Amino acid sequence: MDKIKEHQFWWLGENKQWYPEYETLIRLNYPRVYIKYKVEDAYFATFEQFYRNIADVQWLDGERPPKREQEEILTEAWNFLAIEERLLEDDMANIKIDEWEDERVEGQ
């Protein structure tokens, strides 16, 4: 998969000790933003549902960017999350295949 330049400064994170049901998206270049959401609520949400009802969006530089820039950044976050989830699903599919092949070889 080709890397998307705009996603270079995005991070997907967790803090299972304090917020086990949540994931966060963090953008580390200006304007920085922190987006926390419950994984369970976000799983089947649309873009609009996610940002209206689920995500807690915090701008970290003390001021909100102009509305148009906010929309661009939140769209970038949404797209980053979709790609990260797809990569995770691909990894999980490969693990299952690898485990099955290991079991099959051991049983021969």
N, C-alpha and C. Protein backbone atom coordinates (compact mmCIF):
# COMPACT_ATOMS: atom_id res chain seq x y z
N MET A 1 0.85 -1.18 0.00
CA MET A 1 0.00 0.00 0.00
C MET A 1 0.89 1.24 0.00
N ASP A 2 0.51 2.19 -0.82
CA ASP A 2 1.24 3.46 -0.86
C ASP A 2 0.92 4.26 0.39
N LYS A 3 1.92 4.93 0.91
CA LYS A 3 1.73 5.78 2.09
C LYS A 3 1.16 7.12 1.66
N ILE A 4 0.31 7.67 2.48
CA ILE A 4 -0.32 8.96 2.22
C ILE A 4 0.41 10.01 3.04
N LYS A 5 0.98 10.97 2.36
CA LYS A 5 1.83 11.96 3.02
C LYS A 5 1.12 12.68 4.17
N GLU A 6 -0.15 13.01 3.98
CA GLU A 6 -0.90 13.73 5.01
C GLU A 6 -1.06 12.92 6.30
N HIS A 7 -0.88 11.62 6.22
CA HIS A 7 -1.07 10.76 7.39
C HIS A 7 0.21 10.58 8.21
N GLN A 8 1.30 11.18 7.78
CA GLN A 8 2.58 11.00 8.45
C GLN A 8 2.56 11.42 9.92
N PHE A 9 1.80 12.43 10.27
CA PHE A 9 1.81 12.96 11.63
C PHE A 9 0.60 12.53 12.46
N TRP A 10 -0.17 11.57 11.96
CA TRP A 10 -1.32 11.05 12.70
C TRP A 10 -0.90 9.80 13.47
N TRP A 11 -1.46 9.65 14.66
CA TRP A 11 -1.21 8.47 15.48
C TRP A 11 -2.53 7.95 16.02
N LEU A 12 -2.65 6.63 16.04
CA LEU A 12 -3.80 5.95 16.63
C LEU A 12 -3.31 5.35 17.94
N GLY A 13 -3.98 5.68 19.05
CA GLY A 13 -3.48 5.22 20.33
C GLY A 13 -4.55 4.74 21.29
N GLU A 14 -4.08 4.13 22.37
CA GLU A 14 -4.95 3.61 23.42
C GLU A 14 -4.30 3.86 24.78
N ASN A 15 -5.13 3.93 25.80
CA ASN A 15 -4.67 3.92 27.18
C ASN A 15 -5.60 2.95 27.92
N LYS A 16 -5.25 1.68 27.86
CA LYS A 16 -6.12 0.62 28.40
C LYS A 16 -6.23 0.67 29.92
N GLN A 17 -5.28 1.29 30.61
CA GLN A 17 -5.37 1.39 32.07
C GLN A 17 -6.54 2.28 32.49
N TRP A 18 -6.63 3.43 31.89
CA TRP A 18 -7.60 4.42 32.33
C TRP A 18 -8.85 4.50 31.46
N TYR A 19 -8.71 4.22 30.17
CA TYR A 19 -9.83 4.36 29.24
C TYR A 19 -9.92 3.13 28.34
N PRO A 20 -10.25 1.97 28.90
CA PRO A 20 -10.18 0.72 28.13
C PRO A 20 -11.14 0.65 26.95
N GLU A 21 -12.20 1.44 26.95
CA GLU A 21 -13.17 1.37 25.86
C GLU A 21 -12.88 2.38 24.75
N TYR A 22 -11.83 3.18 24.92
CA TYR A 22 -11.57 4.28 23.99
C TYR A 22 -10.32 4.07 23.16
N GLU A 23 -10.33 4.71 21.99
CA GLU A 23 -9.15 4.90 21.17
C GLU A 23 -9.01 6.39 20.93
N THR A 24 -7.82 6.80 20.55
CA THR A 24 -7.60 8.21 20.26
C THR A 24 -6.86 8.37 18.94
N LEU A 25 -7.17 9.45 18.27
CA LEU A 25 -6.41 9.89 17.11
C LEU A 25 -5.72 11.17 17.53
N ILE A 26 -4.44 11.28 17.21
CA ILE A 26 -3.67 12.46 17.58
C ILE A 26 -2.92 12.94 16.34
N ARG A 27 -3.06 14.21 16.07
CA ARG A 27 -2.32 14.85 14.97
C ARG A 27 -1.22 15.70 15.59
N LEU A 28 0.03 15.40 15.25
CA LEU A 28 1.15 16.04 15.92
C LEU A 28 1.74 17.23 15.16
N ASN A 29 1.18 17.58 14.01
CA ASN A 29 1.64 18.81 13.37
C ASN A 29 0.54 19.86 13.48
N TYR A 30 0.91 21.12 13.26
CA TYR A 30 -0.01 22.24 13.48
C TYR A 30 -1.09 22.27 12.40
N PRO A 31 -2.32 22.52 12.80
CA PRO A 31 -2.85 22.60 14.16
C PRO A 31 -3.07 21.21 14.74
N ARG A 32 -2.57 21.03 15.95
CA ARG A 32 -2.65 19.72 16.61
C ARG A 32 -4.07 19.48 17.12
N VAL A 33 -4.47 18.22 17.06
CA VAL A 33 -5.80 17.85 17.53
C VAL A 33 -5.75 16.47 18.18
N TYR A 34 -6.61 16.30 19.16
CA TYR A 34 -6.76 15.05 19.90
C TYR A 34 -8.23 14.64 19.75
N ILE A 35 -8.48 13.42 19.28
CA ILE A 35 -9.85 12.94 19.07
C ILE A 35 -10.01 11.63 19.82
N LYS A 36 -10.87 11.63 20.83
CA LYS A 36 -11.12 10.43 21.64
C LYS A 36 -12.52 9.91 21.31
N TYR A 37 -12.65 8.60 21.21
CA TYR A 37 -13.95 8.01 20.88
C TYR A 37 -14.02 6.59 21.43
N LYS A 38 -15.26 6.17 21.71
CA LYS A 38 -15.51 4.80 22.13
C LYS A 38 -15.53 3.92 20.88
N VAL A 39 -14.70 2.93 20.88
CA VAL A 39 -14.56 2.05 19.72
C VAL A 39 -15.90 1.43 19.36
N GLU A 40 -16.60 0.94 20.36
CA GLU A 40 -17.88 0.26 20.13
C GLU A 40 -18.89 1.19 19.44
N ASP A 41 -18.93 2.44 19.83
CA ASP A 41 -19.88 3.39 19.25
C ASP A 41 -19.47 3.81 17.84
N ALA A 42 -18.18 3.82 17.57
CA ALA A 42 -17.69 4.34 16.31
C ALA A 42 -17.69 3.30 15.19
N TYR A 43 -17.79 2.05 15.54
CA TYR A 43 -17.56 0.98 14.57
C TYR A 43 -18.42 1.11 13.31
N PHE A 44 -19.70 1.37 13.44
CA PHE A 44 -20.59 1.45 12.28
C PHE A 44 -21.07 2.87 12.00
N ALA A 45 -20.44 3.85 12.60
CA ALA A 45 -20.88 5.24 12.46
C ALA A 45 -20.49 5.81 11.11
N THR A 46 -21.31 6.74 10.65
CA THR A 46 -20.94 7.52 9.47
C THR A 46 -20.04 8.65 9.93
N PHE A 47 -19.47 9.35 8.99
CA PHE A 47 -18.64 10.51 9.28
C PHE A 47 -19.40 11.51 10.15
N GLU A 48 -20.61 11.84 9.74
CA GLU A 48 -21.42 12.83 10.47
C GLU A 48 -21.76 12.34 11.87
N GLN A 49 -22.18 11.10 12.01
CA GLN A 49 -22.50 10.54 13.33
C GLN A 49 -21.27 10.55 14.23
N PHE A 50 -20.13 10.20 13.67
CA PHE A 50 -18.90 10.13 14.43
C PHE A 50 -18.58 11.48 15.06
N TYR A 51 -18.61 12.54 14.27
CA TYR A 51 -18.22 13.84 14.79
C TYR A 51 -19.33 14.57 15.55
N ARG A 52 -20.58 14.26 15.28
CA ARG A 52 -21.67 14.91 16.02
C ARG A 52 -21.93 14.26 17.37
N ASN A 53 -21.85 12.93 17.43
CA ASN A 53 -22.34 12.21 18.61
C ASN A 53 -21.32 11.37 19.35
N ILE A 54 -20.19 11.08 18.74
CA ILE A 54 -19.29 10.08 19.31
C ILE A 54 -17.93 10.68 19.71
N ALA A 55 -17.31 11.40 18.82
CA ALA A 55 -15.94 11.86 19.02
C ALA A 55 -15.88 13.08 19.93
N ASP A 56 -14.88 13.08 20.79
CA ASP A 56 -14.54 14.24 21.61
C ASP A 56 -13.31 14.87 20.96
N VAL A 57 -13.51 16.01 20.29
CA VAL A 57 -12.44 16.66 19.54
C VAL A 57 -11.89 17.82 20.35
N GLN A 58 -10.58 17.79 20.58
CA GLN A 58 -9.91 18.85 21.34
C GLN A 58 -8.76 19.41 20.50
N TRP A 59 -8.84 20.71 20.21
CA TRP A 59 -7.76 21.39 19.51
C TRP A 59 -6.71 21.77 20.55
N LEU A 60 -5.47 21.39 20.33
CA LEU A 60 -4.43 21.46 21.37
C LEU A 60 -3.59 22.72 21.36
N ASP A 61 -3.79 23.60 20.42
CA ASP A 61 -2.95 24.79 20.32
C ASP A 61 -3.62 26.04 20.88
N GLY A 62 -4.71 25.87 21.61
CA GLY A 62 -5.35 27.00 22.28
C GLY A 62 -6.38 27.74 21.46
N GLU A 63 -6.52 27.39 20.20
CA GLU A 63 -7.52 28.03 19.36
C GLU A 63 -7.97 27.06 18.29
N ARG A 64 -9.22 27.22 17.89
CA ARG A 64 -9.75 26.39 16.81
C ARG A 64 -9.32 26.99 15.48
N PRO A 65 -8.95 26.12 14.54
CA PRO A 65 -8.68 26.64 13.20
C PRO A 65 -10.00 27.09 12.55
N PRO A 66 -9.91 27.82 11.44
CA PRO A 66 -11.13 28.20 10.72
C PRO A 66 -11.97 26.97 10.36
N LYS A 67 -13.25 27.13 10.22
CA LYS A 67 -14.20 26.04 9.99
C LYS A 67 -13.76 25.13 8.82
N ARG A 68 -13.38 25.73 7.72
CA ARG A 68 -12.99 24.93 6.55
C ARG A 68 -11.77 24.06 6.87
N GLU A 69 -10.79 24.62 7.57
CA GLU A 69 -9.60 23.85 7.94
C GLU A 69 -9.96 22.75 8.93
N GLN A 70 -10.88 23.02 9.86
CA GLN A 70 -11.33 21.97 10.78
C GLN A 70 -11.92 20.80 10.00
N GLU A 71 -12.78 21.11 9.04
CA GLU A 71 -13.41 20.06 8.24
C GLU A 71 -12.37 19.24 7.47
N GLU A 72 -11.37 19.91 6.92
CA GLU A 72 -10.31 19.21 6.18
C GLU A 72 -9.53 18.28 7.12
N ILE A 73 -9.21 18.76 8.30
CA ILE A 73 -8.44 17.97 9.26
C ILE A 73 -9.27 16.79 9.78
N LEU A 74 -10.53 17.01 10.06
CA LEU A 74 -11.38 15.92 10.55
C LEU A 74 -11.60 14.88 9.45
N THR A 75 -11.69 15.31 8.20
CA THR A 75 -11.80 14.37 7.09
C THR A 75 -10.50 13.57 6.96
N GLU A 76 -9.38 14.24 7.10
CA GLU A 76 -8.08 13.57 7.08
C GLU A 76 -8.00 12.52 8.20
N ALA A 77 -8.49 12.86 9.38
CA ALA A 77 -8.50 11.92 10.51
C ALA A 77 -9.37 10.71 10.19
N TRP A 78 -10.54 10.95 9.64
CA TRP A 78 -11.48 9.88 9.28
C TRP A 78 -10.84 8.93 8.27
N ASN A 79 -10.20 9.49 7.26
CA ASN A 79 -9.56 8.67 6.23
C ASN A 79 -8.38 7.89 6.80
N PHE A 80 -7.60 8.52 7.67
CA PHE A 80 -6.49 7.84 8.34
C PHE A 80 -7.01 6.65 9.15
N LEU A 81 -8.08 6.87 9.91
CA LEU A 81 -8.65 5.80 10.73
C LEU A 81 -9.13 4.64 9.86
N ALA A 82 -9.78 4.94 8.75
CA ALA A 82 -10.27 3.89 7.86
C ALA A 82 -9.12 3.04 7.32
N ILE A 83 -8.04 3.68 6.93
CA ILE A 83 -6.88 2.94 6.42
C ILE A 83 -6.23 2.12 7.52
N GLU A 84 -6.08 2.69 8.70
CA GLU A 84 -5.49 1.95 9.82
C GLU A 84 -6.33 0.72 10.17
N GLU A 85 -7.64 0.87 10.16
CA GLU A 85 -8.52 -0.27 10.46
C GLU A 85 -8.38 -1.35 9.39
N ARG A 86 -8.27 -0.93 8.13
CA ARG A 86 -8.10 -1.91 7.05
C ARG A 86 -6.77 -2.64 7.19
N LEU A 87 -5.71 -1.92 7.54
CA LEU A 87 -4.41 -2.56 7.74
C LEU A 87 -4.46 -3.55 8.91
N LEU A 88 -5.16 -3.19 9.97
CA LEU A 88 -5.32 -4.10 11.10
C LEU A 88 -6.08 -5.36 10.69
N GLU A 89 -7.14 -5.20 9.92
CA GLU A 89 -7.90 -6.36 9.44
C GLU A 89 -7.02 -7.26 8.57
N ASP A 90 -6.21 -6.64 7.71
CA ASP A 90 -5.29 -7.43 6.88
C ASP A 90 -4.30 -8.19 7.75
N ASP A 91 -3.76 -7.53 8.78
CA ASP A 91 -2.82 -8.20 9.69
C ASP A 91 -3.49 -9.38 10.39
N MET A 92 -4.72 -9.18 10.84
CA MET A 92 -5.44 -10.25 11.53
C MET A 92 -5.70 -11.43 10.59
N ALA A 93 -6.05 -11.14 9.35
CA ALA A 93 -6.28 -12.20 8.37
C ALA A 93 -4.99 -12.98 8.13
N ASN A 94 -3.87 -12.30 8.05
CA ASN A 94 -2.59 -12.97 7.85
C ASN A 94 -2.19 -13.81 9.04
N ILE A 95 -2.48 -13.34 10.25
CA ILE A 95 -2.18 -14.11 11.45
C ILE A 95 -2.97 -15.41 11.45
N LYS A 96 -4.24 -15.33 11.13
CA LYS A 96 -5.07 -16.54 11.10
C LYS A 96 -4.55 -17.53 10.08
N ILE A 97 -4.15 -17.05 8.91
CA ILE A 97 -3.61 -17.94 7.89
C ILE A 97 -2.31 -18.55 8.37
N ASP A 98 -1.42 -17.74 8.94
CA ASP A 98 -0.13 -18.24 9.44
C ASP A 98 -0.34 -19.28 10.54
N GLU A 99 -1.26 -19.03 11.47
CA GLU A 99 -1.53 -19.98 12.55
C GLU A 99 -2.07 -21.28 11.99
N TRP A 100 -2.97 -21.20 11.01
CA TRP A 100 -3.53 -22.39 10.41
C TRP A 100 -2.45 -23.20 9.71
N GLU A 101 -1.55 -22.52 8.98
CA GLU A 101 -0.47 -23.22 8.30
C GLU A 101 0.48 -23.87 9.31
N ASP A 102 0.78 -23.18 10.43
CA ASP A 102 1.64 -23.75 11.45
C ASP A 102 1.03 -25.01 12.04
N GLU A 103 -0.27 -24.98 12.33
CA GLU A 103 -0.96 -26.14 12.89
C GLU A 103 -0.97 -27.29 11.89
N ARG A 104 -1.18 -26.99 10.63
CA ARG A 104 -1.23 -28.01 9.59
C ARG A 104 0.13 -28.69 9.44
N VAL A 105 1.22 -27.91 9.47
CA VAL A 105 2.57 -28.46 9.35
C VAL A 105 2.90 -29.32 10.55
N GLU A 106 2.53 -28.85 11.76
CA GLU A 106 2.82 -29.60 12.98
C GLU A 106 2.06 -30.93 12.99
N GLY A 107 0.86 -30.97 12.42
CA GLY A 107 0.03 -32.18 12.43
C GLY A 107 0.44 -33.20 11.40
N GLN A 108 1.34 -32.86 10.47
CA GLN A 108 1.73 -33.82 9.42
C GLN A 108 2.71 -34.83 9.92
